[in-house]
Amino acid sequence: MIDQSDDFPNRYSGSSVEASAKKGSRVMDIGKEVSQKTKESIAQPSSLNLPMNADLSGSELNSLVESRLQIKQMKELNPLSPVELSKKKIIHPEMKEKQVINKFRSLRTKLFGHDFRNNSVVLVCTTHEGGGSTFFAINLAAAIALEESKTSLLIDCNLNNPSITETFGLKGEVGLTDYLEDPNVDLEKIIYPSGISRYRVIPVGTSLESSSEFFTSVRMRQLLQLARERYSDRYVILDTPPVLGSADTSILAPLCNKLLVVAPYGEVSEDDFSRTIETVGPERVTGVILNEKLI
């Protein structure tokens, strides 16, 4: 369980997808196993964060070193202060409640293991509106960016409720829908600094109609491919609409490597949870997080 009483007004817990999800039952703690494919620990990393037994070709090593140098140059011109981060409910090293940040670091590790070469596209969704998926998407991206050798790119795919766009003050800016609608809009034009080192954001954009057509387009596949290729150590996080209220999430799910389902604790029936998993595809679900809010 994550106790956020000092820094954030809510408390959150999480669960593995194998656990039951009956209403009222506590199925998970983020500190438990989340990934179905968590790998065995590898040898201690070197100064480049490589396993001692890594077998890299010269070109792969050069590419990795170049990527790490690019990442170090990703400085924020207008960094958010610890106070601002806390107001936005974003984890940061100076926060008082260390258990919160440590739990998100643990979640990050269990999702990605120690695979330093293969980045991922992670979809974060929830069952119903207000389930807390946006909070987890924002902070999972923040936890990734805490690693000096990693970058995160958070994409707001919730056209009906673009909370990420509003959190980072990007309402009305050119973004995802503009890129998908106009082939003349380049990826670089829709990526914005977040105020956090190594953390970038793509807002929802200026057009909020015909979302299903947007997400089924070739441009959407191209965007995710380009976003991953931009940095070999970049992890792309998608925040999507509630599964039971929109078809968008089930459309985006096949485009992602990992999928996290956030369910509001005590507010989801077993039937709704089962329908959510079935809608996105149980074979795609990496883990489930049970989100408990205590006022």
Foldseek 3Di string as FASTA:
>chain_A
DADCVQQDQWGWAFAFPVFAAAFQDDHTGLLDAFFPDADDAAAQADPLLDGPPDDDDPVRVVQLVVLLVVLLVQDDPQADDPVLCSVLLEDDPPDPRVSNLVSLLSNLCSHPPSPQQAAWEEEFAEAAPPLCSVSSLRHNQVSQQVPSSAAEEEEELALPCQPVCVSQVNPAAAFLVNVLVDVVDDLVRQWADRSGRRYIYTGPGDDSPPSVVSLLDPSVLVNVVCQCVVHSRYYYYYYYYNQNPDLNQLSCLVSTQEYEYRYEHNPDHSVSVVVSCVSNDVVRYRGYIYTYTDD
